[in-house]
Amino acid sequence: MRRILAAVLVAILVAWLALPVARSYLLVAAHHSDPLPPADLAVTDLDLGADLSGWSVQVAIGAPAVVLVHGFKTSREEMLPWARFLHDAGYNVVLFDTRGCGRSAGAVIGLGATEPRDISRAVAAARGAFRTTAVAALGISVGAGAVILAAATDPDVTAVVADSAWTDEDFQLTRLSFLPVGPVRVPLPPYGVAMVNALVGADVSQARPLEVIGRIAPRPVLLIHSADDDNATTTVDGARRLFDAAGEPKQIWIAPHGGHVGAINAFPDEYRARVLAFLASALR
């Protein structure tokens, strides 16, 4: 009986020690897929380098362009609704899979820490492919925070549209320090964050859109959020704080409802009108 009890205790201890490693890996593990070209939109494979995969949708050489950035562990396919209305409005478009997603290489995603580099490459590719210096970046969810981070350090990003953006990754990282068991939080060994950083190859805690959004000015920023966004990492209060921290020119639209990244579905006409009016001014 004592041996059985000892074995059970050892198993519990091993599981307790291993949990931060397993949870860290699951948080950032890649999610590859095979995005299919849409039947209603003429897309062309875009050269972004051997490790990134994307499409271009060309309207006209010299016309302004918009780089679209998808959300958490999805792919460029998620951005097709945006690509369609932007294309119809006369914008060249780039859709691509961030590292670790879709057809792009990588064993992990970056939780916003590495995606800005991918976005800058997509912006550079858009400038070259379409021969334009007017290139906006539009991102949703994880991609929304990532386009803010990219624009803060890359002056080639002419304007930013961030839909359902996050302010930092503190919530995601804090969750690695405990295991919720009913109403109780069981503390875990404190190396979950270090494990995430090791897997990603960057300090994820330093990916903080709230701290850098002010650097984008005088390039324009449009923030979009739903009042009922219940995603714990993308609260509407966070959107308001991002707006307060941004420099001019800036705009914010809080849709009455729609949920996380849902304003485009809840208010499709108003969503498109607001985005297109913003881009018409920002990319003129």
C-alpha atoms as a PDB file:
ATOM      1  CA  MET A   1       0.000   0.000   0.000  1.00  0.00           C
ATOM      2  CA  ARG A   2       2.823   2.379   0.870  1.00  0.00           C
ATOM      3  CA  ARG A   3       4.492   1.627  -2.454  1.00  0.00           C
ATOM      4  CA  ILE A   4       1.304   2.395  -4.320  1.00  0.00           C
ATOM      5  CA  LEU A   5       0.868   5.646  -2.408  1.00  0.00           C
ATOM      6  CA  ALA A   6       4.493   6.571  -3.063  1.00  0.00           C
ATOM      7  CA  ALA A   7       4.089   5.814  -6.770  1.00  0.00           C
ATOM      8  CA  VAL A   8       0.959   7.958  -6.943  1.00  0.00           C
ATOM      9  CA  LEU A   9       2.699  10.839  -5.179  1.00  0.00           C
ATOM     10  CA  VAL A  10       5.684  10.572  -7.525  1.00  0.00           C
ATOM     11  CA  ALA A  11       3.358  10.566 -10.540  1.00  0.00           C
ATOM     12  CA  ILE A  12       1.568  13.652  -9.231  1.00  0.00           C
ATOM     13  CA  LEU A  13       4.894  15.400  -8.640  1.00  0.00           C
ATOM     14  CA  VAL A  14       6.162  14.545 -12.121  1.00  0.00           C
ATOM     15  CA  ALA A  15       2.907  15.772 -13.669  1.00  0.00           C
ATOM     16  CA  TRP A  16       3.080  18.977 -11.616  1.00  0.00           C
ATOM     17  CA  LEU A  17       6.647  19.597 -12.765  1.00  0.00           C
ATOM     18  CA  ALA A  18       5.820  18.791 -16.397  1.00  0.00           C
ATOM     19  CA  LEU A  19       2.624  20.829 -16.656  1.00  0.00           C
ATOM     20  CA  PRO A  20       4.303  24.208 -17.288  1.00  0.00           C
ATOM     21  CA  VAL A  21       6.310  22.671 -20.123  1.00  0.00           C
ATOM     22  CA  ALA A  22       3.261  21.050 -21.709  1.00  0.00           C
ATOM     23  CA  ARG A  23       1.058  24.129 -21.345  1.00  0.00           C
ATOM     24  CA  SER A  24       3.778  26.405 -22.704  1.00  0.00           C
ATOM     25  CA  TYR A  25       4.214  24.226 -25.754  1.00  0.00           C
ATOM     26  CA  LEU A  26       0.477  23.965 -26.395  1.00  0.00           C
ATOM     27  CA  LEU A  27       0.143  27.746 -26.168  1.00  0.00           C
ATOM     28  CA  VAL A  28       2.648  28.427 -28.947  1.00  0.00           C
ATOM     29  CA  ALA A  29       2.623  25.184 -30.964  1.00  0.00           C
ATOM     30  CA  ALA A  30       2.261  25.779 -34.701  1.00  0.00           C
ATOM     31  CA  HIS A  31      -1.065  25.290 -36.435  1.00  0.00           C
ATOM     32  CA  HIS A  32      -0.384  24.499 -40.077  1.00  0.00           C
ATOM     33  CA  SER A  33      -3.095  24.215 -42.701  1.00  0.00           C
ATOM     34  CA  ASP A  34      -3.502  24.367 -46.462  1.00  0.00           C
ATOM     35  CA  PRO A  35      -5.306  27.593 -47.403  1.00  0.00           C
ATOM     36  CA  LEU A  36      -7.286  27.178 -50.621  1.00  0.00           C
ATOM     37  CA  PRO A  37      -7.493  29.957 -53.216  1.00  0.00           C
ATOM     38  CA  PRO A  38     -10.997  31.450 -53.298  1.00  0.00           C
ATOM     39  CA  ALA A  39     -13.110  30.928 -56.389  1.00  0.00           C
ATOM     40  CA  ASP A  40     -14.294  34.541 -56.452  1.00  0.00           C
ATOM     41  CA  LEU A  41     -10.970  36.350 -56.084  1.00  0.00           C
ATOM     42  CA  ALA A  42      -7.944  36.155 -58.376  1.00  0.00           C
ATOM     43  CA  VAL A  43      -4.997  35.484 -56.077  1.00  0.00           C
ATOM     44  CA  THR A  44      -1.352  34.976 -57.032  1.00  0.00           C
ATOM     45  CA  ASP A  45       1.353  33.350 -54.943  1.00  0.00           C
ATOM     46  CA  LEU A  46       3.578  36.083 -53.504  1.00  0.00           C
ATOM     47  CA  ASP A  47       7.305  35.648 -52.935  1.00  0.00           C
ATOM     48  CA  LEU A  48       7.904  36.350 -49.242  1.00  0.00           C
ATOM     49  CA  GLY A  49      10.951  34.108 -48.901  1.00  0.00           C
ATOM     50  CA  ALA A  50      11.213  30.380 -48.361  1.00  0.00           C
ATOM     51  CA  ASP A  51       9.691  30.411 -44.865  1.00  0.00           C
ATOM     52  CA  LEU A  52       6.596  32.587 -45.414  1.00  0.00           C
ATOM     53  CA  SER A  53       3.658  31.901 -47.707  1.00  0.00           C
ATOM     54  CA  GLY A  54       1.128  34.372 -49.041  1.00  0.00           C
ATOM     55  CA  TRP A  55      -1.069  35.637 -51.842  1.00  0.00           C
ATOM     56  CA  SER A  56      -1.330  38.936 -53.653  1.00  0.00           C
ATOM     57  CA  VAL A  57      -4.512  40.358 -55.139  1.00  0.00           C
ATOM     58  CA  GLN A  58      -3.616  42.995 -57.700  1.00  0.00           C
ATOM     59  CA  VAL A  59      -5.912  45.783 -58.805  1.00  0.00           C
ATOM     60  CA  ALA A  60      -3.372  48.042 -60.504  1.00  0.00           C
ATOM     61  CA  ILE A  61       0.341  48.724 -60.363  1.00  0.00           C
ATOM     62  CA  GLY A  62       0.880  51.903 -58.377  1.00  0.00           C
ATOM     63  CA  ALA A  63      -2.409  51.697 -56.482  1.00  0.00           C
ATOM     64  CA  PRO A  64      -2.265  51.706 -52.658  1.00  0.00           C
ATOM     65  CA  ALA A  65      -2.001  48.347 -50.911  1.00  0.00           C
ATOM     66  CA  VAL A  66      -3.206  46.767 -47.685  1.00  0.00           C
ATOM     67  CA  VAL A  67      -1.418  43.916 -45.908  1.00  0.00           C
ATOM     68  CA  LEU A  68      -3.869  41.697 -44.003  1.00  0.00           C
ATOM     69  CA  VAL A  69      -2.810  39.855 -40.846  1.00  0.00           C
ATOM     70  CA  HIS A  70      -4.889  37.005 -39.427  1.00  0.00           C
ATOM     71  CA  GLY A  71      -5.599  36.031 -35.827  1.00  0.00           C
ATOM     72  CA  PHE A  72      -4.482  33.349 -33.370  1.00  0.00           C
ATOM     73  CA  LYS A  73      -3.451  30.086 -35.063  1.00  0.00           C
ATOM     74  CA  THR A  74      -5.527  30.629 -38.189  1.00  0.00           C
ATOM     75  CA  SER A  75      -4.350  31.473 -41.718  1.00  0.00           C
ATOM     76  CA  ARG A  76      -4.712  33.946 -44.569  1.00  0.00           C
ATOM     77  CA  GLU A  77      -8.093  32.372 -45.381  1.00  0.00           C
ATOM     78  CA  GLU A  78      -9.546  34.126 -42.338  1.00  0.00           C
ATOM     79  CA  MET A  79      -8.846  37.464 -44.016  1.00  0.00           C
ATOM     80  CA  LEU A  80     -10.718  36.810 -47.268  1.00  0.00           C
ATOM     81  CA  PRO A  81     -13.788  38.896 -46.251  1.00  0.00           C
ATOM     82  CA  TRP A  82     -11.482  41.892 -45.819  1.00  0.00           C
ATOM     83  CA  ALA A  83      -9.620  41.146 -49.053  1.00  0.00           C
ATOM     84  CA  ARG A  84     -12.865  41.100 -51.018  1.00  0.00           C
ATOM     85  CA  PHE A  85     -14.167  44.500 -49.984  1.00  0.00           C
ATOM     86  CA  LEU A  86     -10.729  46.110 -50.197  1.00  0.00           C
ATOM     87  CA  HIS A  87     -10.197  44.710 -53.681  1.00  0.00           C
ATOM     88  CA  ASP A  88     -13.636  45.934 -54.746  1.00  0.00           C
ATOM     89  CA  ALA A  89     -12.693  49.401 -53.465  1.00  0.00           C
ATOM     90  CA  GLY A  90      -9.554  49.518 -55.620  1.00  0.00           C
ATOM     91  CA  TYR A  91      -6.815  48.423 -53.220  1.00  0.00           C
ATOM     92  CA  ASN A  92      -4.065  45.946 -53.931  1.00  0.00           C
ATOM     93  CA  VAL A  93      -4.033  43.329 -51.175  1.00  0.00           C
ATOM     94  CA  VAL A  94      -1.529  40.965 -49.567  1.00  0.00           C
ATOM     95  CA  LEU A  95      -2.734  38.029 -47.470  1.00  0.00           C
ATOM     96  CA  PHE A  96      -0.130  35.836 -45.809  1.00  0.00           C
ATOM     97  CA  ASP A  97       0.320  33.207 -43.128  1.00  0.00           C
ATOM     98  CA  THR A  98       2.378  34.348 -40.165  1.00  0.00           C
ATOM     99  CA  ARG A  99       5.139  32.080 -38.946  1.00  0.00           C
ATOM    100  CA  GLY A 100       3.868  28.733 -37.667  1.00  0.00           C
ATOM    101  CA  CYS A 101       0.473  29.122 -39.344  1.00  0.00           C
ATOM    102  CA  GLY A 102      -1.056  28.047 -42.627  1.00  0.00           C
ATOM    103  CA  ARG A 103       1.655  27.126 -45.111  1.00  0.00           C
ATOM    104  CA  SER A 104       4.368  29.235 -43.506  1.00  0.00           C
ATOM    105  CA  ALA A 105       7.258  27.435 -41.859  1.00  0.00           C
ATOM    106  CA  GLY A 106       7.886  27.291 -38.136  1.00  0.00           C
ATOM    107  CA  ALA A 107       7.269  24.941 -35.235  1.00  0.00           C
ATOM    108  CA  VAL A 108       5.750  27.686 -33.075  1.00  0.00           C
ATOM    109  CA  ILE A 109       3.844  30.946 -33.321  1.00  0.00           C
ATOM    110  CA  GLY A 110       5.226  34.113 -31.762  1.00  0.00           C
ATOM    111  CA  LEU A 111       2.317  35.445 -29.639  1.00  0.00           C
ATOM    112  CA  GLY A 112       3.054  38.843 -31.148  1.00  0.00           C
ATOM    113  CA  ALA A 113       6.790  38.775 -30.436  1.00  0.00           C
ATOM    114  CA  THR A 114       7.948  37.587 -33.874  1.00  0.00           C
ATOM    115  CA  GLU A 115       4.971  38.394 -36.117  1.00  0.00           C
ATOM    116  CA  PRO A 116       5.982  42.068 -36.571  1.00  0.00           C
ATOM    117  CA  ARG A 117       9.058  40.928 -38.508  1.00  0.00           C
ATOM    118  CA  ASP A 118       6.832  38.866 -40.788  1.00  0.00           C
ATOM    119  CA  ILE A 119       4.543  41.849 -41.295  1.00  0.00           C
ATOM    120  CA  SER A 120       7.453  44.077 -42.276  1.00  0.00           C
ATOM    121  CA  ARG A 121       8.486  41.515 -44.865  1.00  0.00           C
ATOM    122  CA  ALA A 122       4.954  41.436 -46.245  1.00  0.00           C
ATOM    123  CA  VAL A 123       4.900  45.238 -46.413  1.00  0.00           C
ATOM    124  CA  ALA A 124       8.226  45.244 -48.264  1.00  0.00           C
ATOM    125  CA  ALA A 125       6.877  42.618 -50.669  1.00  0.00           C
ATOM    126  CA  ALA A 126       3.756  44.707 -51.287  1.00  0.00           C
ATOM    127  CA  ARG A 127       5.828  47.802 -52.008  1.00  0.00           C
ATOM    128  CA  GLY A 128       7.879  45.856 -54.536  1.00  0.00           C
ATOM    129  CA  ALA A 129       5.087  43.882 -56.170  1.00  0.00           C
ATOM    130  CA  PHE A 130       2.696  46.804 -56.570  1.00  0.00           C
ATOM    131  CA  ARG A 131       5.313  49.588 -56.920  1.00  0.00           C
ATOM    132  CA  THR A 132       3.713  51.757 -54.284  1.00  0.00           C
ATOM    133  CA  THR A 133       4.851  53.392 -51.066  1.00  0.00           C
ATOM    134  CA  ALA A 134       1.292  53.621 -49.725  1.00  0.00           C
ATOM    135  CA  VAL A 135       0.901  50.380 -47.765  1.00  0.00           C
ATOM    136  CA  ALA A 136      -1.413  50.020 -44.775  1.00  0.00           C
ATOM    137  CA  ALA A 137      -1.482  47.054 -42.399  1.00  0.00           C
ATOM    138  CA  LEU A 138      -4.807  45.694 -41.148  1.00  0.00           C
ATOM    139  CA  GLY A 139      -4.784  43.014 -38.476  1.00  0.00           C
ATOM    140  CA  ILE A 140      -7.334  41.223 -36.323  1.00  0.00           C
ATOM    141  CA  SER A 141      -6.913  39.790 -32.803  1.00  0.00           C
ATOM    142  CA  VAL A 142      -3.280  38.679 -32.417  1.00  0.00           C
ATOM    143  CA  GLY A 143      -2.669  40.249 -35.810  1.00  0.00           C
ATOM    144  CA  ALA A 144      -4.103  43.559 -34.582  1.00  0.00           C
ATOM    145  CA  GLY A 145      -1.544  43.892 -31.822  1.00  0.00           C
ATOM    146  CA  ALA A 146       1.147  42.686 -34.201  1.00  0.00           C
ATOM    147  CA  VAL A 147       0.453  45.398 -36.793  1.00  0.00           C
ATOM    148  CA  ILE A 148       0.732  48.017 -34.051  1.00  0.00           C
ATOM    149  CA  LEU A 149       4.088  46.577 -33.017  1.00  0.00           C
ATOM    150  CA  ALA A 150       5.262  46.410 -36.635  1.00  0.00           C
ATOM    151  CA  ALA A 151       4.264  49.986 -37.436  1.00  0.00           C
ATOM    152  CA  ALA A 152       5.964  51.272 -34.293  1.00  0.00           C
ATOM    153  CA  THR A 153       9.355  50.211 -35.673  1.00  0.00           C
ATOM    154  CA  ASP A 154       8.771  50.136 -39.448  1.00  0.00           C
ATOM    155  CA  PRO A 155       8.157  53.526 -41.088  1.00  0.00           C
ATOM    156  CA  ASP A 156       7.133  51.786 -44.320  1.00  0.00           C
ATOM    157  CA  VAL A 157       3.794  50.921 -42.694  1.00  0.00           C
ATOM    158  CA  THR A 158       1.802  53.930 -43.880  1.00  0.00           C
ATOM    159  CA  ALA A 159      -1.292  53.383 -41.719  1.00  0.00           C
ATOM    160  CA  VAL A 160      -2.737  50.876 -39.242  1.00  0.00           C
ATOM    161  CA  VAL A 161      -6.165  49.323 -38.805  1.00  0.00           C
ATOM    162  CA  ALA A 162      -6.284  47.185 -35.644  1.00  0.00           C
ATOM    163  CA  ASP A 163      -9.469  45.195 -35.035  1.00  0.00           C
ATOM    164  CA  SER A 164      -9.807  43.651 -31.553  1.00  0.00           C
ATOM    165  CA  ALA A 165      -6.257  44.410 -30.473  1.00  0.00           C
ATOM    166  CA  TRP A 166      -4.522  43.391 -27.251  1.00  0.00           C
ATOM    167  CA  THR A 167      -2.395  45.620 -25.038  1.00  0.00           C
ATOM    168  CA  ASP A 168       0.156  43.041 -23.830  1.00  0.00           C
ATOM    169  CA  GLU A 169       0.539  39.296 -23.251  1.00  0.00           C
ATOM    170  CA  ASP A 170       0.454  39.498 -19.445  1.00  0.00           C
ATOM    171  CA  PHE A 171      -2.800  37.540 -19.156  1.00  0.00           C
ATOM    172  CA  GLN A 172      -1.589  34.698 -21.380  1.00  0.00           C
ATOM    173  CA  LEU A 173       1.717  34.449 -19.547  1.00  0.00           C
ATOM    174  CA  THR A 174       0.234  34.741 -16.049  1.00  0.00           C
ATOM    175  CA  ARG A 175      -2.043  31.770 -16.739  1.00  0.00           C
ATOM    176  CA  LEU A 176       1.038  29.563 -17.064  1.00  0.00           C
ATOM    177  CA  SER A 177       1.766  30.012 -13.358  1.00  0.00           C
ATOM    178  CA  PHE A 178      -1.340  28.210 -12.090  1.00  0.00           C
ATOM    179  CA  LEU A 179      -3.809  25.452 -12.915  1.00  0.00           C
ATOM    180  CA  PRO A 180      -7.491  26.258 -12.322  1.00  0.00           C
ATOM    181  CA  VAL A 181      -9.205  23.396 -10.494  1.00  0.00           C
ATOM    182  CA  GLY A 182     -12.763  24.522  -9.911  1.00  0.00           C
ATOM    183  CA  PRO A 183     -12.609  27.693  -7.820  1.00  0.00           C
ATOM    184  CA  VAL A 184      -9.013  26.945  -6.743  1.00  0.00           C
ATOM    185  CA  ARG A 185      -5.823  28.035  -8.488  1.00  0.00           C
ATOM    186  CA  VAL A 186      -3.120  25.421  -8.011  1.00  0.00           C
ATOM    187  CA  PRO A 187       0.312  27.095  -8.253  1.00  0.00           C
ATOM    188  CA  LEU A 188       2.697  25.617 -10.825  1.00  0.00           C
ATOM    189  CA  PRO A 189       6.496  25.753 -11.035  1.00  0.00           C
ATOM    190  CA  PRO A 190       7.512  29.240 -12.225  1.00  0.00           C
ATOM    191  CA  TYR A 191       9.270  28.352 -15.464  1.00  0.00           C
ATOM    192  CA  GLY A 192       6.315  28.483 -17.870  1.00  0.00           C
ATOM    193  CA  VAL A 193       7.175  31.952 -19.183  1.00  0.00           C
ATOM    194  CA  ALA A 194      10.837  31.046 -19.624  1.00  0.00           C
ATOM    195  CA  MET A 195       9.721  27.984 -21.570  1.00  0.00           C
ATOM    196  CA  VAL A 196       7.521  30.073 -23.878  1.00  0.00           C
ATOM    197  CA  ASN A 197      10.365  32.499 -24.492  1.00  0.00           C
ATOM    198  CA  ALA A 198      12.753  29.640 -25.237  1.00  0.00           C
ATOM    199  CA  LEU A 199      10.326  28.090 -27.716  1.00  0.00           C
ATOM    200  CA  VAL A 200       9.538  31.387 -29.438  1.00  0.00           C
ATOM    201  CA  GLY A 201      13.114  32.645 -29.373  1.00  0.00           C
ATOM    202  CA  ALA A 202      12.072  36.043 -28.040  1.00  0.00           C
ATOM    203  CA  ASP A 203      10.844  37.666 -24.836  1.00  0.00           C
ATOM    204  CA  VAL A 204       7.086  37.562 -25.318  1.00  0.00           C
ATOM    205  CA  SER A 205       6.513  39.790 -22.292  1.00  0.00           C
ATOM    206  CA  GLN A 206       8.129  42.643 -24.242  1.00  0.00           C
ATOM    207  CA  ALA A 207       5.460  42.497 -26.966  1.00  0.00           C
ATOM    208  CA  ARG A 208       3.425  45.412 -25.609  1.00  0.00           C
ATOM    209  CA  PRO A 209       1.362  47.348 -28.161  1.00  0.00           C
ATOM    210  CA  LEU A 210       0.134  49.723 -25.454  1.00  0.00           C
ATOM    211  CA  GLU A 211       3.668  50.943 -24.807  1.00  0.00           C
ATOM    212  CA  VAL A 212       4.607  51.552 -28.448  1.00  0.00           C
ATOM    213  CA  ILE A 213       1.440  52.659 -30.229  1.00  0.00           C
ATOM    214  CA  GLY A 214       2.359  56.294 -29.615  1.00  0.00           C
ATOM    215  CA  ARG A 215       5.426  55.872 -31.845  1.00  0.00           C
ATOM    216  CA  ILE A 216       3.286  55.354 -34.937  1.00  0.00           C
ATOM    217  CA  ALA A 217       2.240  59.021 -35.142  1.00  0.00           C
ATOM    218  CA  PRO A 218       2.035  61.023 -37.327  1.00  0.00           C
ATOM    219  CA  ARG A 219       0.925  58.001 -39.354  1.00  0.00           C
ATOM    220  CA  PRO A 220      -2.804  57.377 -38.797  1.00  0.00           C
ATOM    221  CA  VAL A 221      -4.319  54.604 -36.678  1.00  0.00           C
ATOM    222  CA  LEU A 222      -7.862  53.211 -36.682  1.00  0.00           C
ATOM    223  CA  LEU A 223      -8.898  51.011 -33.754  1.00  0.00           C
ATOM    224  CA  ILE A 224     -12.007  48.831 -34.020  1.00  0.00           C
ATOM    225  CA  HIS A 225     -13.546  46.853 -31.162  1.00  0.00           C
ATOM    226  CA  SER A 226     -16.867  45.363 -30.138  1.00  0.00           C
ATOM    227  CA  ALA A 227     -18.337  46.547 -26.857  1.00  0.00           C
ATOM    228  CA  ASP A 228     -19.154  42.945 -25.932  1.00  0.00           C
ATOM    229  CA  ASP A 229     -15.777  41.394 -26.789  1.00  0.00           C
ATOM    230  CA  ASP A 230     -15.499  38.701 -24.100  1.00  0.00           C
ATOM    231  CA  ASN A 231     -11.990  37.550 -24.995  1.00  0.00           C
ATOM    232  CA  ALA A 232      -9.967  37.995 -21.796  1.00  0.00           C
ATOM    233  CA  THR A 233      -6.902  39.204 -23.707  1.00  0.00           C
ATOM    234  CA  THR A 234      -8.731  41.811 -25.810  1.00  0.00           C
ATOM    235  CA  THR A 235     -11.065  43.768 -23.562  1.00  0.00           C
ATOM    236  CA  VAL A 236     -12.826  46.885 -24.789  1.00  0.00           C
ATOM    237  CA  ASP A 237     -11.110  48.766 -21.960  1.00  0.00           C
ATOM    238  CA  GLY A 238      -7.820  47.794 -23.560  1.00  0.00           C
ATOM    239  CA  ALA A 239      -8.967  49.314 -26.853  1.00  0.00           C
ATOM    240  CA  ARG A 240      -9.769  52.578 -25.103  1.00  0.00           C
ATOM    241  CA  ARG A 241      -6.354  52.597 -23.427  1.00  0.00           C
ATOM    242  CA  LEU A 242      -4.683  51.985 -26.780  1.00  0.00           C
ATOM    243  CA  PHE A 243      -6.602  54.912 -28.220  1.00  0.00           C
ATOM    244  CA  ASP A 244      -5.572  57.180 -25.352  1.00  0.00           C
ATOM    245  CA  ALA A 245      -1.916  56.187 -25.827  1.00  0.00           C
ATOM    246  CA  ALA A 246      -1.914  56.657 -29.611  1.00  0.00           C
ATOM    247  CA  GLY A 247      -0.820  59.905 -31.199  1.00  0.00           C
ATOM    248  CA  GLU A 248      -2.765  61.900 -33.740  1.00  0.00           C
ATOM    249  CA  PRO A 249      -4.251  61.284 -36.204  1.00  0.00           C
ATOM    250  CA  LYS A 250      -6.275  58.478 -34.647  1.00  0.00           C
ATOM    251  CA  GLN A 251      -9.799  57.085 -34.731  1.00  0.00           C
ATOM    252  CA  ILE A 252     -11.689  54.515 -32.683  1.00  0.00           C
ATOM    253  CA  TRP A 253     -14.961  52.764 -33.371  1.00  0.00           C
ATOM    254  CA  ILE A 254     -16.575  50.742 -30.596  1.00  0.00           C
ATOM    255  CA  ALA A 255     -19.286  48.672 -32.272  1.00  0.00           C
ATOM    256  CA  PRO A 256     -22.311  48.114 -29.988  1.00  0.00           C
ATOM    257  CA  HIS A 257     -21.979  44.339 -30.279  1.00  0.00           C
ATOM    258  CA  GLY A 258     -20.382  41.643 -32.395  1.00  0.00           C
ATOM    259  CA  GLY A 259     -18.047  39.848 -30.020  1.00  0.00           C
ATOM    260  CA  HIS A 260     -14.387  39.178 -30.695  1.00  0.00           C
ATOM    261  CA  VAL A 261     -13.480  40.279 -34.251  1.00  0.00           C
ATOM    262  CA  GLY A 262     -17.202  40.289 -34.985  1.00  0.00           C
ATOM    263  CA  ALA A 263     -17.961  43.902 -35.868  1.00  0.00           C
ATOM    264  CA  ILE A 264     -17.453  43.129 -39.562  1.00  0.00           C
ATOM    265  CA  ASN A 265     -20.290  40.586 -39.386  1.00  0.00           C
ATOM    266  CA  ALA A 266     -22.596  42.494 -37.043  1.00  0.00           C
ATOM    267  CA  PHE A 267     -22.307  45.794 -38.929  1.00  0.00           C
ATOM    268  CA  PRO A 268     -20.901  44.913 -42.377  1.00  0.00           C
ATOM    269  CA  ASP A 269     -21.899  48.111 -44.174  1.00  0.00           C
ATOM    270  CA  GLU A 270     -20.730  50.451 -41.436  1.00  0.00           C
ATOM    271  CA  TYR A 271     -17.542  48.437 -40.931  1.00  0.00           C
ATOM    272  CA  ARG A 272     -16.589  48.692 -44.595  1.00  0.00           C
ATOM    273  CA  ALA A 273     -17.550  52.348 -44.808  1.00  0.00           C
ATOM    274  CA  ARG A 274     -15.427  53.276 -41.804  1.00  0.00           C
ATOM    275  CA  VAL A 275     -12.385  51.301 -42.951  1.00  0.00           C
ATOM    276  CA  LEU A 276     -12.584  52.595 -46.518  1.00  0.00           C
ATOM    277  CA  ALA A 277     -13.035  56.213 -45.417  1.00  0.00           C
ATOM    278  CA  PHE A 278     -10.023  55.868 -43.131  1.00  0.00           C
ATOM    279  CA  LEU A 279      -7.850  54.315 -45.845  1.00  0.00           C
ATOM    280  CA  ALA A 280      -8.927  56.869 -48.450  1.00  0.00           C
ATOM    281  CA  SER A 281      -7.592  59.609 -46.201  1.00  0.00           C
ATOM    282  CA  ALA A 282      -4.556  57.716 -44.897  1.00  0.00           C
ATOM    283  CA  LEU A 283      -3.262  56.453 -48.250  1.00  0.00           C
ATOM    284  CA  ARG A 284      -4.022  59.432 -50.464  1.00  0.00           C
END
